[in-house]
Amino acid sequence: MSTLHLLNKTPDRERARQCLAAASASEAGPHGILLLENGVFCAVNPDWRQALEDGLPLWALTPDVAARSLTARLPSGIQQIDYDAFVELTTRFDNVVSW
């Protein structure tokens, strides 16, 4: 079953590390992570960039990226989405888990 992980924690928090580990374990089906609120700081963290390079789908909520002045630093592989796309994204996955 596919799982979308919603992360609002900074990369130094244990929950962020747990989220990344869970999403990187592909035995249970495809995973993806939507970064929102302070979770968008994960987008500029080296560990998270490695996960992106390894093929883990990552999205970031555009208003949160802009509010934290990260737009220019966001890696090209992370797709920015608005609130409407956030809702649509949740329909593409069997499960949604908030961290």
Protein backbone atom coordinates (compact mmCIF):
# COMPACT_ATOMS: atom_id res chain seq x y z
CA MET A 1 0.00 0.00 0.00
CA SER A 2 1.23 3.48 -0.80
CA THR A 3 1.81 6.03 1.95
CA LEU A 4 2.08 9.81 1.89
CA HIS A 5 3.97 11.16 4.90
CA LEU A 6 3.17 14.72 6.03
CA LEU A 7 6.10 16.23 7.92
CA ASN A 8 6.03 19.52 9.81
CA LYS A 9 9.16 18.99 11.94
CA THR A 10 12.65 20.41 11.35
CA PRO A 11 15.35 17.94 10.25
CA ASP A 12 17.01 17.94 13.69
CA ARG A 13 13.89 16.48 15.36
CA GLU A 14 13.62 12.74 16.02
CA ARG A 15 10.21 12.59 14.33
CA ALA A 16 11.77 13.93 11.12
CA ARG A 17 14.43 11.22 11.20
CA GLN A 18 11.77 8.58 11.87
CA CYS A 19 9.68 9.88 8.98
CA LEU A 20 12.62 9.72 6.59
CA ALA A 21 13.49 6.19 7.70
CA ALA A 22 9.89 4.99 7.32
CA ALA A 23 9.47 6.57 3.90
CA SER A 24 12.81 5.23 2.69
CA ALA A 25 11.81 1.64 3.58
CA SER A 26 10.02 0.60 0.40
CA GLU A 27 8.95 -2.91 1.47
CA ALA A 28 5.44 -1.70 2.27
CA GLY A 29 4.85 -0.03 -1.09
CA PRO A 30 5.58 3.36 -2.61
CA HIS A 31 6.07 6.30 -0.29
CA GLY A 32 6.33 10.06 -0.65
CA ILE A 33 6.80 12.96 1.75
CA LEU A 34 5.09 16.33 1.75
CA LEU A 35 7.09 18.92 3.67
CA LEU A 36 5.00 21.60 5.33
CA GLU A 37 5.33 24.23 8.03
CA ASN A 38 8.86 23.92 9.55
CA GLY A 39 9.29 20.61 7.73
CA VAL A 40 10.30 22.56 4.63
CA PHE A 41 13.72 23.05 6.26
CA CYS A 42 14.34 19.36 5.51
CA ALA A 43 14.53 20.29 1.84
CA VAL A 44 17.89 21.97 2.35
CA ASN A 45 19.32 19.28 4.67
CA PRO A 46 22.00 16.98 3.15
CA ASP A 47 20.38 13.76 4.43
CA TRP A 48 17.11 14.70 2.82
CA ARG A 49 18.81 15.68 -0.43
CA GLN A 50 20.34 12.21 -0.51
CA ALA A 51 16.88 10.65 -0.13
CA LEU A 52 15.70 12.78 -3.05
CA GLU A 53 18.67 11.63 -5.15
CA ASP A 54 17.83 8.05 -4.19
CA GLY A 55 14.39 8.51 -5.75
CA LEU A 56 12.14 9.30 -2.79
CA PRO A 57 9.37 11.64 -4.01
CA LEU A 58 9.36 14.90 -2.05
CA TRP A 59 6.92 17.79 -2.26
CA ALA A 60 6.93 21.09 -0.36
CA LEU A 61 4.02 23.39 0.35
CA THR A 62 4.76 26.61 -1.54
CA PRO A 63 3.41 29.09 1.06
CA ASP A 64 5.57 27.49 3.76
CA VAL A 65 8.68 27.53 1.54
CA ALA A 66 8.11 31.21 0.77
CA ALA A 67 7.40 32.12 4.41
CA ARG A 68 10.77 30.70 5.40
CA SER A 69 12.67 32.32 2.50
CA LEU A 70 13.76 28.96 1.09
CA THR A 71 12.49 29.32 -2.48
CA ALA A 72 15.93 29.97 -4.02
CA ARG A 73 17.57 27.17 -1.99
CA LEU A 74 15.05 24.45 -2.78
CA PRO A 75 16.53 21.55 -4.80
CA SER A 76 15.06 21.24 -8.28
CA GLY A 77 13.79 17.71 -7.59
CA ILE A 78 11.37 18.89 -4.91
CA GLN A 79 8.06 19.90 -6.41
CA GLN A 80 6.38 22.89 -4.80
CA ILE A 81 2.61 22.58 -4.52
CA ASP A 82 -0.26 24.79 -3.39
CA TYR A 83 -3.16 23.85 -1.11
CA ASP A 84 -5.34 22.50 -3.93
CA ALA A 85 -2.51 20.23 -5.10
CA PHE A 86 -1.97 19.16 -1.46
CA VAL A 87 -5.56 17.88 -1.31
CA GLU A 88 -5.21 16.16 -4.69
CA LEU A 89 -1.92 14.56 -3.62
CA THR A 90 -3.58 12.91 -0.63
CA THR A 91 -6.00 11.13 -2.98
CA ARG A 92 -3.13 9.42 -4.82
CA PHE A 93 -2.03 7.43 -1.76
CA ASP A 94 -3.75 4.65 0.18
CA ASN A 95 -2.57 6.00 3.54
CA VAL A 96 -1.63 9.43 4.88
CA VAL A 97 0.55 9.65 8.02
CA SER A 98 1.29 12.90 9.88
CA TRP A 99 4.58 13.26 11.72
